[in-house]
Amino acid sequence: MKKTLVIALGGNALLQRGEVLSAENQYKNIALVAEVVATLSRDYRVVIVHGNGPQVGLLALQSLAYPAAPAYPLDILVAETQGMLGYMITQKLGQAAGMPPVSTLLTRVEVHGDDPAFQTPGKYIGPVYSPEQQAELREQYGWQMKQDGQYIRRVVASPRPQRVLDVEGIKGLLALDHVVVCAGGGGMPVVQVTQGYCGVEAVIDKDLTASRLAVELEAEHLMILTDADAVYQDWGTPQARALEDVTTAQLKPFAAPDGAMGPKAEAVIEFVERTGNVAWIGALKDAPAILAGQKGTRVHL
């Protein structure tokens, strides 16, 4: 039986920073995802978890643009982006030669209602704005904003994922040798109530959800693909160097909640320490070489 590989795709895999949020641009970027997954699916059962920050932010803006109806809450907007992006990824993957069947599964992820993240929003969503627009955006929409490089972006609550509720459906599709696109945008955030579950206003970090899902699937590998080709020591300085092979203990200083590499480092550390298996962080285009030990950062106990 093939080993299971969970891939977490950063938002850059679907939309480059600064690009217009058009279907054409997203299909163009997803084409590279299709090439990579077609290669990996020959040797692995592949599960794809993708980001949705730009897309869910755009849907929120579109919802606000029609004042005759109340704006949709974030859990419903996450569901919309799961369906939209899942469809687009499935379409492109299905056009790649030799690709197994591809299925998208809308996925709920349980969080705790008392998670401290609800009091301190820190998850970026939506487009970037200039710092000069901050006061206007707060006045117009009531958003909380945070610096993102030279820009500012809206931030929302991002509680930690506790359990992937639809994991049995994912297992069933993998048993049929499907490539599975699931838990997009970190999954629809829900909390347990007296009878069933209720959605909450939040966006879960997709890397942490991918890690939790990989553990629940008993996956052999987790690979987080981003726009950086590796984790770097002394990033942004002349002394910067790529880390090729590190233990979880060596990676822990990088697991700061900074919205960039921090959640990725935290996600792979959690997976490796809970399973004893290997995880990687690297660039989408390098994925086959990462698994071959030629690129990226390899993380182990």
C-alpha atoms as a PDB file:
ATOM      1  CA  MET A   1       0.000   0.000   0.000  1.00  0.00           C
ATOM      2  CA  LYS A   2       1.183   3.522  -0.792  1.00  0.00           C
ATOM      3  CA  LYS A   3       2.243   5.748   2.068  1.00  0.00           C
ATOM      4  CA  THR A   4       0.054   8.756   2.876  1.00  0.00           C
ATOM      5  CA  LEU A   5       1.421  12.256   2.273  1.00  0.00           C
ATOM      6  CA  VAL A   6      -0.423  15.340   3.553  1.00  0.00           C
ATOM      7  CA  ILE A   7       0.481  18.534   1.686  1.00  0.00           C
ATOM      8  CA  ALA A   8      -0.301  22.012   3.028  1.00  0.00           C
ATOM      9  CA  LEU A   9      -0.349  24.569   0.211  1.00  0.00           C
ATOM     10  CA  GLY A  10       0.333  28.179   1.121  1.00  0.00           C
ATOM     11  CA  GLY A  11      -1.810  30.936  -0.331  1.00  0.00           C
ATOM     12  CA  ASN A  12       0.992  31.735  -2.787  1.00  0.00           C
ATOM     13  CA  ALA A  13       0.330  28.394  -4.478  1.00  0.00           C
ATOM     14  CA  LEU A  14      -3.077  29.718  -5.530  1.00  0.00           C
ATOM     15  CA  LEU A  15      -2.390  33.445  -5.846  1.00  0.00           C
ATOM     16  CA  GLN A  16       0.873  35.369  -5.924  1.00  0.00           C
ATOM     17  CA  ARG A  17       1.117  38.384  -3.616  1.00  0.00           C
ATOM     18  CA  GLY A  18      -0.230  41.473  -5.366  1.00  0.00           C
ATOM     19  CA  GLU A  19      -2.019  39.540  -8.128  1.00  0.00           C
ATOM     20  CA  VAL A  20      -5.632  40.312  -8.958  1.00  0.00           C
ATOM     21  CA  LEU A  21      -8.002  37.767  -7.366  1.00  0.00           C
ATOM     22  CA  SER A  22      -9.267  36.513 -10.720  1.00  0.00           C
ATOM     23  CA  ALA A  23     -10.209  32.968 -11.661  1.00  0.00           C
ATOM     24  CA  GLU A  24      -7.674  33.126 -14.496  1.00  0.00           C
ATOM     25  CA  ASN A  25      -4.773  33.975 -12.190  1.00  0.00           C
ATOM     26  CA  GLN A  26      -5.709  31.270  -9.721  1.00  0.00           C
ATOM     27  CA  TYR A  27      -6.033  28.615 -12.433  1.00  0.00           C
ATOM     28  CA  LYS A  28      -2.607  29.643 -13.737  1.00  0.00           C
ATOM     29  CA  ASN A  29      -1.013  29.103 -10.320  1.00  0.00           C
ATOM     30  CA  ILE A  30      -2.929  25.881  -9.665  1.00  0.00           C
ATOM     31  CA  ALA A  31      -1.467  24.442 -12.899  1.00  0.00           C
ATOM     32  CA  LEU A  32       1.899  24.061 -11.117  1.00  0.00           C
ATOM     33  CA  VAL A  33       0.155  22.334  -8.215  1.00  0.00           C
ATOM     34  CA  ALA A  34      -1.298  19.839 -10.702  1.00  0.00           C
ATOM     35  CA  GLU A  35       2.112  19.049 -12.175  1.00  0.00           C
ATOM     36  CA  VAL A  36       3.612  18.436  -8.739  1.00  0.00           C
ATOM     37  CA  VAL A  37       0.717  16.320  -7.424  1.00  0.00           C
ATOM     38  CA  ALA A  38       0.657  14.199 -10.590  1.00  0.00           C
ATOM     39  CA  THR A  39       4.286  13.273  -9.925  1.00  0.00           C
ATOM     40  CA  LEU A  40       3.783  12.615  -6.200  1.00  0.00           C
ATOM     41  CA  SER A  41       0.597  10.559  -6.679  1.00  0.00           C
ATOM     42  CA  ARG A  42       2.583   7.808  -8.407  1.00  0.00           C
ATOM     43  CA  ASP A  43       4.197   6.906  -5.090  1.00  0.00           C
ATOM     44  CA  TYR A  44       1.891   8.366  -2.412  1.00  0.00           C
ATOM     45  CA  ARG A  45      -1.741   8.663  -1.401  1.00  0.00           C
ATOM     46  CA  VAL A  46      -1.981  12.455  -1.503  1.00  0.00           C
ATOM     47  CA  VAL A  47      -4.103  14.713   0.708  1.00  0.00           C
ATOM     48  CA  ILE A  48      -4.134  18.447  -0.108  1.00  0.00           C
ATOM     49  CA  VAL A  49      -4.948  21.145   2.459  1.00  0.00           C
ATOM     50  CA  HIS A  50      -4.884  24.687   1.033  1.00  0.00           C
ATOM     51  CA  GLY A  51      -4.961  28.229   2.333  1.00  0.00           C
ATOM     52  CA  ASN A  52      -7.775  30.691   1.618  1.00  0.00           C
ATOM     53  CA  GLY A  53      -6.728  34.005   3.177  1.00  0.00           C
ATOM     54  CA  PRO A  54      -7.070  36.226   0.085  1.00  0.00           C
ATOM     55  CA  GLN A  55     -10.224  34.472  -1.105  1.00  0.00           C
ATOM     56  CA  VAL A  56     -12.133  34.525   2.182  1.00  0.00           C
ATOM     57  CA  GLY A  57     -11.233  38.179   2.622  1.00  0.00           C
ATOM     58  CA  LEU A  58     -12.591  39.003  -0.842  1.00  0.00           C
ATOM     59  CA  LEU A  59     -15.851  37.156  -0.114  1.00  0.00           C
ATOM     60  CA  ALA A  60     -16.192  39.115   3.119  1.00  0.00           C
ATOM     61  CA  LEU A  61     -15.805  42.382   1.188  1.00  0.00           C
ATOM     62  CA  GLN A  62     -18.329  41.274  -1.416  1.00  0.00           C
ATOM     63  CA  SER A  63     -20.769  40.346   1.342  1.00  0.00           C
ATOM     64  CA  LEU A  64     -20.407  43.806   2.901  1.00  0.00           C
ATOM     65  CA  ALA A  65     -21.052  45.439  -0.485  1.00  0.00           C
ATOM     66  CA  TYR A  66     -24.729  44.380  -0.380  1.00  0.00           C
ATOM     67  CA  PRO A  67     -26.174  46.120   2.667  1.00  0.00           C
ATOM     68  CA  ALA A  68     -29.712  44.848   2.021  1.00  0.00           C
ATOM     69  CA  ALA A  69     -28.703  41.500   3.583  1.00  0.00           C
ATOM     70  CA  PRO A  70     -26.622  40.819   6.712  1.00  0.00           C
ATOM     71  CA  ALA A  71     -23.005  39.898   6.016  1.00  0.00           C
ATOM     72  CA  TYR A  72     -22.311  36.151   6.083  1.00  0.00           C
ATOM     73  CA  PRO A  73     -20.253  34.904   9.049  1.00  0.00           C
ATOM     74  CA  LEU A  74     -16.700  33.675   8.494  1.00  0.00           C
ATOM     75  CA  ASP A  75     -17.460  29.963   8.938  1.00  0.00           C
ATOM     76  CA  ILE A  76     -19.873  30.124   5.975  1.00  0.00           C
ATOM     77  CA  LEU A  77     -17.366  32.130   3.923  1.00  0.00           C
ATOM     78  CA  VAL A  78     -14.737  29.452   4.659  1.00  0.00           C
ATOM     79  CA  ALA A  79     -17.190  26.845   3.377  1.00  0.00           C
ATOM     80  CA  GLU A  80     -17.673  28.902   0.206  1.00  0.00           C
ATOM     81  CA  THR A  81     -13.926  29.110  -0.396  1.00  0.00           C
ATOM     82  CA  GLN A  82     -13.544  25.379   0.235  1.00  0.00           C
ATOM     83  CA  GLY A  83     -16.084  24.680  -2.480  1.00  0.00           C
ATOM     84  CA  MET A  84     -14.706  27.255  -4.925  1.00  0.00           C
ATOM     85  CA  LEU A  85     -11.017  26.426  -4.544  1.00  0.00           C
ATOM     86  CA  GLY A  86     -11.679  22.699  -4.213  1.00  0.00           C
ATOM     87  CA  TYR A  87     -13.518  22.803  -7.535  1.00  0.00           C
ATOM     88  CA  MET A  88     -10.700  24.752  -9.213  1.00  0.00           C
ATOM     89  CA  ILE A  89      -7.982  22.457  -7.859  1.00  0.00           C
ATOM     90  CA  THR A  90      -9.989  19.366  -8.831  1.00  0.00           C
ATOM     91  CA  GLN A  91     -10.491  20.702 -12.348  1.00  0.00           C
ATOM     92  CA  LYS A  92      -6.774  21.352 -12.920  1.00  0.00           C
ATOM     93  CA  LEU A  93      -5.618  18.118 -11.272  1.00  0.00           C
ATOM     94  CA  GLY A  94      -8.089  16.147 -13.356  1.00  0.00           C
ATOM     95  CA  GLN A  95      -6.455  17.489 -16.527  1.00  0.00           C
ATOM     96  CA  ALA A  96      -2.999  16.165 -15.589  1.00  0.00           C
ATOM     97  CA  ALA A  97      -1.869  12.959 -17.275  1.00  0.00           C
ATOM     98  CA  GLY A  98      -1.844   9.893 -15.032  1.00  0.00           C
ATOM     99  CA  MET A  99      -3.711  11.569 -12.171  1.00  0.00           C
ATOM    100  CA  PRO A 100      -5.846   9.284  -9.958  1.00  0.00           C
ATOM    101  CA  PRO A 101      -9.468  10.335  -9.273  1.00  0.00           C
ATOM    102  CA  VAL A 102      -9.638  13.635  -7.373  1.00  0.00           C
ATOM    103  CA  SER A 103     -12.314  14.449  -4.779  1.00  0.00           C
ATOM    104  CA  THR A 104     -13.000  17.542  -2.698  1.00  0.00           C
ATOM    105  CA  LEU A 105     -14.570  17.145   0.728  1.00  0.00           C
ATOM    106  CA  LEU A 106     -16.050  20.041   2.693  1.00  0.00           C
ATOM    107  CA  THR A 107     -14.458  19.647   6.111  1.00  0.00           C
ATOM    108  CA  ARG A 108     -15.455  20.851   9.576  1.00  0.00           C
ATOM    109  CA  VAL A 109     -12.819  21.302  12.263  1.00  0.00           C
ATOM    110  CA  GLU A 110     -13.683  21.507  15.945  1.00  0.00           C
ATOM    111  CA  VAL A 111     -12.230  24.356  18.019  1.00  0.00           C
ATOM    112  CA  HIS A 112     -12.744  25.400  21.645  1.00  0.00           C
ATOM    113  CA  GLY A 113     -15.116  28.302  22.227  1.00  0.00           C
ATOM    114  CA  ASP A 114     -12.896  29.651  25.019  1.00  0.00           C
ATOM    115  CA  ASP A 115      -9.727  29.650  22.881  1.00  0.00           C
ATOM    116  CA  PRO A 116      -7.702  32.820  23.724  1.00  0.00           C
ATOM    117  CA  ALA A 117      -7.429  33.570  19.980  1.00  0.00           C
ATOM    118  CA  PHE A 118     -10.977  34.934  20.038  1.00  0.00           C
ATOM    119  CA  GLN A 119      -9.718  37.748  22.287  1.00  0.00           C
ATOM    120  CA  THR A 120      -6.530  38.458  20.282  1.00  0.00           C
ATOM    121  CA  PRO A 121      -7.187  38.141  16.508  1.00  0.00           C
ATOM    122  CA  GLY A 122      -4.013  37.508  14.521  1.00  0.00           C
ATOM    123  CA  LYS A 123      -4.900  35.595  11.324  1.00  0.00           C
ATOM    124  CA  TYR A 124      -4.403  37.573   8.097  1.00  0.00           C
ATOM    125  CA  ILE A 125      -7.220  37.503   5.549  1.00  0.00           C
ATOM    126  CA  GLY A 126      -8.070  39.532   2.461  1.00  0.00           C
ATOM    127  CA  PRO A 127      -5.963  41.856   0.305  1.00  0.00           C
ATOM    128  CA  VAL A 128      -3.132  44.102   1.461  1.00  0.00           C
ATOM    129  CA  TYR A 129      -3.647  47.819   2.073  1.00  0.00           C
ATOM    130  CA  SER A 130      -1.339  50.773   2.597  1.00  0.00           C
ATOM    131  CA  PRO A 131      -0.790  51.819   6.226  1.00  0.00           C
ATOM    132  CA  GLU A 132      -2.424  55.174   5.432  1.00  0.00           C
ATOM    133  CA  GLN A 133      -5.772  53.376   4.944  1.00  0.00           C
ATOM    134  CA  GLN A 134      -5.872  51.830   8.430  1.00  0.00           C
ATOM    135  CA  ALA A 135      -8.014  54.448  10.145  1.00  0.00           C
ATOM    136  CA  GLU A 136     -10.470  54.551   7.236  1.00  0.00           C
ATOM    137  CA  LEU A 137     -10.895  50.754   7.185  1.00  0.00           C
ATOM    138  CA  ARG A 138     -11.450  50.587  10.938  1.00  0.00           C
ATOM    139  CA  GLU A 139     -14.012  53.375  10.699  1.00  0.00           C
ATOM    140  CA  GLN A 140     -15.833  51.865   7.704  1.00  0.00           C
ATOM    141  CA  TYR A 141     -15.845  48.162   8.634  1.00  0.00           C
ATOM    142  CA  GLY A 142     -14.741  47.917  12.256  1.00  0.00           C
ATOM    143  CA  TRP A 143     -11.859  45.659  11.239  1.00  0.00           C
ATOM    144  CA  GLN A 144      -8.780  44.978  13.285  1.00  0.00           C
ATOM    145  CA  MET A 145      -5.654  45.534  11.194  1.00  0.00           C
ATOM    146  CA  LYS A 146      -2.057  44.383  11.572  1.00  0.00           C
ATOM    147  CA  GLN A 147       1.228  45.056   9.824  1.00  0.00           C
ATOM    148  CA  ASP A 148       2.121  42.528   7.088  1.00  0.00           C
ATOM    149  CA  GLY A 149       5.530  43.503   5.723  1.00  0.00           C
ATOM    150  CA  GLN A 150       5.223  46.993   4.240  1.00  0.00           C
ATOM    151  CA  TYR A 151       1.419  46.679   4.097  1.00  0.00           C
ATOM    152  CA  ILE A 152      -1.455  46.187   6.534  1.00  0.00           C
ATOM    153  CA  ARG A 153      -4.122  43.476   6.387  1.00  0.00           C
ATOM    154  CA  ARG A 154      -7.277  42.539   8.223  1.00  0.00           C
ATOM    155  CA  VAL A 155      -6.803  40.043  11.065  1.00  0.00           C
ATOM    156  CA  VAL A 156      -9.411  37.695  12.555  1.00  0.00           C
ATOM    157  CA  ALA A 157      -9.504  35.088  15.316  1.00  0.00           C
ATOM    158  CA  SER A 158      -7.609  31.882  14.591  1.00  0.00           C
ATOM    159  CA  PRO A 159      -8.329  29.243  17.273  1.00  0.00           C
ATOM    160  CA  ARG A 160      -6.303  26.039  17.392  1.00  0.00           C
ATOM    161  CA  PRO A 161      -7.786  23.008  15.624  1.00  0.00           C
ATOM    162  CA  GLN A 162      -8.791  20.268  18.052  1.00  0.00           C
ATOM    163  CA  ARG A 163     -10.321  17.580  15.821  1.00  0.00           C
ATOM    164  CA  VAL A 164     -11.124  17.040  12.137  1.00  0.00           C
ATOM    165  CA  LEU A 165     -14.767  15.975  12.256  1.00  0.00           C
ATOM    166  CA  ASP A 166     -14.960  14.544   8.731  1.00  0.00           C
ATOM    167  CA  VAL A 167     -11.788  12.462   8.877  1.00  0.00           C
ATOM    168  CA  GLU A 168     -13.614   9.154   8.235  1.00  0.00           C
ATOM    169  CA  GLY A 169     -14.807  10.464   4.870  1.00  0.00           C
ATOM    170  CA  ILE A 170     -11.235  11.405   3.983  1.00  0.00           C
ATOM    171  CA  LYS A 171     -10.024   7.923   4.958  1.00  0.00           C
ATOM    172  CA  GLY A 172     -12.714   6.346   2.793  1.00  0.00           C
ATOM    173  CA  LEU A 173     -11.675   8.343  -0.276  1.00  0.00           C
ATOM    174  CA  LEU A 174      -7.989   7.526   0.299  1.00  0.00           C
ATOM    175  CA  ALA A 175      -8.874   3.821   0.494  1.00  0.00           C
ATOM    176  CA  LEU A 176     -10.320   4.202  -3.014  1.00  0.00           C
ATOM    177  CA  ASP A 177      -6.990   5.726  -4.172  1.00  0.00           C
ATOM    178  CA  HIS A 178      -8.432   9.230  -4.611  1.00  0.00           C
ATOM    179  CA  VAL A 179      -6.354  12.371  -4.288  1.00  0.00           C
ATOM    180  CA  VAL A 180      -8.310  14.245  -1.603  1.00  0.00           C
ATOM    181  CA  VAL A 181      -8.646  18.028  -1.370  1.00  0.00           C
ATOM    182  CA  CYS A 182      -9.984  18.807   2.111  1.00  0.00           C
ATOM    183  CA  ALA A 183      -9.912  21.119   5.136  1.00  0.00           C
ATOM    184  CA  GLY A 184      -9.380  24.111   2.845  1.00  0.00           C
ATOM    185  CA  GLY A 185      -8.652  27.315   4.710  1.00  0.00           C
ATOM    186  CA  GLY A 186      -8.064  25.241   7.842  1.00  0.00           C
ATOM    187  CA  GLY A 187     -11.610  23.853   7.747  1.00  0.00           C
ATOM    188  CA  MET A 188     -14.932  25.370   8.783  1.00  0.00           C
ATOM    189  CA  PRO A 189     -14.505  26.297  12.480  1.00  0.00           C
ATOM    190  CA  VAL A 190     -17.201  24.771  14.699  1.00  0.00           C
ATOM    191  CA  VAL A 191     -17.737  24.329  18.438  1.00  0.00           C
ATOM    192  CA  GLN A 192     -19.620  21.522  20.119  1.00  0.00           C
ATOM    193  CA  VAL A 193     -23.046  22.425  21.486  1.00  0.00           C
ATOM    194  CA  THR A 194     -25.739  20.394  23.258  1.00  0.00           C
ATOM    195  CA  GLN A 195     -26.858  18.833  19.997  1.00  0.00           C
ATOM    196  CA  GLY A 196     -24.165  18.700  17.308  1.00  0.00           C
ATOM    197  CA  TYR A 197     -21.947  21.617  16.329  1.00  0.00           C
ATOM    198  CA  CYS A 198     -22.276  25.338  15.649  1.00  0.00           C
ATOM    199  CA  GLY A 199     -20.073  27.512  13.421  1.00  0.00           C
ATOM    200  CA  VAL A 200     -17.999  30.349  14.891  1.00  0.00           C
ATOM    201  CA  GLU A 201     -16.521  33.587  13.546  1.00  0.00           C
ATOM    202  CA  ALA A 202     -12.919  32.581  12.844  1.00  0.00           C
ATOM    203  CA  VAL A 203     -10.429  31.254  10.290  1.00  0.00           C
ATOM    204  CA  ILE A 204      -8.216  28.356  11.428  1.00  0.00           C
ATOM    205  CA  ASP A 205      -4.546  28.222  10.413  1.00  0.00           C
ATOM    206  CA  LYS A 206      -4.338  25.698   7.579  1.00  0.00           C
ATOM    207  CA  ASP A 207      -0.840  24.483   8.537  1.00  0.00           C
ATOM    208  CA  LEU A 208      -1.963  23.551  12.048  1.00  0.00           C
ATOM    209  CA  THR A 209      -5.035  21.821  10.620  1.00  0.00           C
ATOM    210  CA  ALA A 210      -2.873  19.921   8.116  1.00  0.00           C
ATOM    211  CA  SER A 211      -0.697  18.729  10.987  1.00  0.00           C
ATOM    212  CA  ARG A 212      -3.701  17.630  13.056  1.00  0.00           C
ATOM    213  CA  LEU A 213      -5.197  15.876  10.024  1.00  0.00           C
ATOM    214  CA  ALA A 214      -1.920  14.104   9.254  1.00  0.00           C
ATOM    215  CA  VAL A 215      -1.837  12.771  12.810  1.00  0.00           C
ATOM    216  CA  GLU A 216      -5.465  11.595  12.655  1.00  0.00           C
ATOM    217  CA  LEU A 217      -4.853   9.896   9.286  1.00  0.00           C
ATOM    218  CA  GLU A 218      -1.686   8.249  10.651  1.00  0.00           C
ATOM    219  CA  ALA A 219       0.087   9.700   7.617  1.00  0.00           C
ATOM    220  CA  GLU A 220       3.719   8.845   7.089  1.00  0.00           C
ATOM    221  CA  HIS A 221       4.667  12.343   5.926  1.00  0.00           C
ATOM    222  CA  LEU A 222       3.650  16.009   6.175  1.00  0.00           C
ATOM    223  CA  MET A 223       4.971  18.568   3.711  1.00  0.00           C
ATOM    224  CA  ILE A 224       4.288  22.290   4.064  1.00  0.00           C
ATOM    225  CA  LEU A 225       4.854  24.119   0.795  1.00  0.00           C
ATOM    226  CA  THR A 226       5.301  27.880   0.755  1.00  0.00           C
ATOM    227  CA  ASP A 227       7.125  30.624  -1.171  1.00  0.00           C
ATOM    228  CA  ALA A 228      10.363  30.058   0.783  1.00  0.00           C
ATOM    229  CA  ASP A 229      12.600  27.214  -0.369  1.00  0.00           C
ATOM    230  CA  ALA A 230      13.559  26.308   3.216  1.00  0.00           C
ATOM    231  CA  VAL A 231      13.620  27.557   6.794  1.00  0.00           C
ATOM    232  CA  TYR A 232      16.440  30.081   7.146  1.00  0.00           C
ATOM    233  CA  GLN A 233      18.702  30.907  10.054  1.00  0.00           C
ATOM    234  CA  ASP A 234      19.231  34.708  10.354  1.00  0.00           C
ATOM    235  CA  TRP A 235      16.632  35.396   7.660  1.00  0.00           C
ATOM    236  CA  GLY A 236      16.929  38.851   6.083  1.00  0.00           C
ATOM    237  CA  THR A 237      20.590  39.310   6.997  1.00  0.00           C
ATOM    238  CA  PRO A 238      23.830  38.743   5.049  1.00  0.00           C
ATOM    239  CA  GLN A 239      24.421  35.711   7.280  1.00  0.00           C
ATOM    240  CA  ALA A 240      21.184  33.983   6.205  1.00  0.00           C
ATOM    241  CA  ARG A 241      21.550  30.260   5.542  1.00  0.00           C
ATOM    242  CA  ALA A 242      19.070  27.529   4.715  1.00  0.00           C
ATOM    243  CA  LEU A 243      18.539  24.807   7.315  1.00  0.00           C
ATOM    244  CA  GLU A 244      18.609  21.481   5.500  1.00  0.00           C
ATOM    245  CA  ASP A 245      18.190  18.939   8.296  1.00  0.00           C
ATOM    246  CA  VAL A 246      16.973  19.824  11.807  1.00  0.00           C
ATOM    247  CA  THR A 247      15.467  18.227  14.862  1.00  0.00           C
ATOM    248  CA  THR A 248      12.245  19.493  16.398  1.00  0.00           C
ATOM    249  CA  ALA A 249      14.293  20.903  19.281  1.00  0.00           C
ATOM    250  CA  GLN A 250      16.430  22.906  16.851  1.00  0.00           C
ATOM    251  CA  LEU A 251      13.332  24.198  15.026  1.00  0.00           C
ATOM    252  CA  LYS A 252      11.432  25.360  18.129  1.00  0.00           C
ATOM    253  CA  PRO A 253      12.993  28.877  18.188  1.00  0.00           C
ATOM    254  CA  PHE A 254      11.343  29.440  14.787  1.00  0.00           C
ATOM    255  CA  ALA A 255       7.861  28.518  16.058  1.00  0.00           C
ATOM    256  CA  ALA A 256       6.928  32.050  17.157  1.00  0.00           C
ATOM    257  CA  PRO A 257       3.344  33.174  16.446  1.00  0.00           C
ATOM    258  CA  ASP A 258       4.416  35.708  13.811  1.00  0.00           C
ATOM    259  CA  GLY A 259       1.962  34.804  11.054  1.00  0.00           C
ATOM    260  CA  ALA A 260       4.759  33.773   8.679  1.00  0.00           C
ATOM    261  CA  MET A 261       7.105  30.853   9.376  1.00  0.00           C
ATOM    262  CA  GLY A 262       5.962  30.455  12.984  1.00  0.00           C
ATOM    263  CA  PRO A 263       2.768  28.421  12.394  1.00  0.00           C
ATOM    264  CA  LYS A 264       4.547  26.272   9.801  1.00  0.00           C
ATOM    265  CA  ALA A 265       7.335  25.416  12.229  1.00  0.00           C
ATOM    266  CA  GLU A 266       4.797  24.755  14.987  1.00  0.00           C
ATOM    267  CA  ALA A 267       2.774  22.488  12.682  1.00  0.00           C
ATOM    268  CA  VAL A 268       5.667  20.266  11.632  1.00  0.00           C
ATOM    269  CA  ILE A 269       7.004  20.068  15.204  1.00  0.00           C
ATOM    270  CA  GLU A 270       3.609  18.865  16.438  1.00  0.00           C
ATOM    271  CA  PHE A 271       3.355  16.235  13.690  1.00  0.00           C
ATOM    272  CA  VAL A 272       6.893  14.894  14.142  1.00  0.00           C
ATOM    273  CA  GLU A 273       6.705  14.758  17.939  1.00  0.00           C
ATOM    274  CA  ARG A 274       3.312  13.018  17.935  1.00  0.00           C
ATOM    275  CA  THR A 275       4.138  10.446  15.231  1.00  0.00           C
ATOM    276  CA  GLY A 276       7.911  10.090  15.094  1.00  0.00           C
ATOM    277  CA  ASN A 277       7.667  10.550  11.310  1.00  0.00           C
ATOM    278  CA  VAL A 278       9.447  13.071   9.103  1.00  0.00           C
ATOM    279  CA  ALA A 279       8.102  16.419   7.874  1.00  0.00           C
ATOM    280  CA  TRP A 280       9.391  18.997   5.406  1.00  0.00           C
ATOM    281  CA  ILE A 281       9.068  22.729   4.709  1.00  0.00           C
ATOM    282  CA  GLY A 282       9.946  24.060   1.265  1.00  0.00           C
ATOM    283  CA  ALA A 283       8.819  25.496  -2.056  1.00  0.00           C
ATOM    284  CA  LEU A 284       6.024  24.047  -4.177  1.00  0.00           C
ATOM    285  CA  LYS A 285       8.185  23.749  -7.292  1.00  0.00           C
ATOM    286  CA  ASP A 286      10.753  21.706  -5.327  1.00  0.00           C
ATOM    287  CA  ALA A 287       8.299  19.164  -3.867  1.00  0.00           C
ATOM    288  CA  PRO A 288       9.689  15.989  -5.558  1.00  0.00           C
ATOM    289  CA  ALA A 289      13.257  17.077  -4.750  1.00  0.00           C
ATOM    290  CA  ILE A 290      12.239  17.812  -1.145  1.00  0.00           C
ATOM    291  CA  LEU A 291      11.016  14.247  -0.701  1.00  0.00           C
ATOM    292  CA  ALA A 292      14.267  13.008  -2.242  1.00  0.00           C
ATOM    293  CA  GLY A 293      16.256  14.953   0.367  1.00  0.00           C
ATOM    294  CA  GLN A 294      17.730  17.414  -2.137  1.00  0.00           C
ATOM    295  CA  LYS A 295      15.793  20.578  -1.243  1.00  0.00           C
ATOM    296  CA  GLY A 296      13.879  22.191   1.601  1.00  0.00           C
ATOM    297  CA  THR A 297      14.165  21.684   5.349  1.00  0.00           C
ATOM    298  CA  ARG A 298      13.777  18.159   6.716  1.00  0.00           C
ATOM    299  CA  VAL A 299      12.433  17.955  10.282  1.00  0.00           C
ATOM    300  CA  HIS A 300      12.785  14.881  12.510  1.00  0.00           C
ATOM    301  CA  LEU A 301      13.110  13.890  16.173  1.00  0.00           C
END
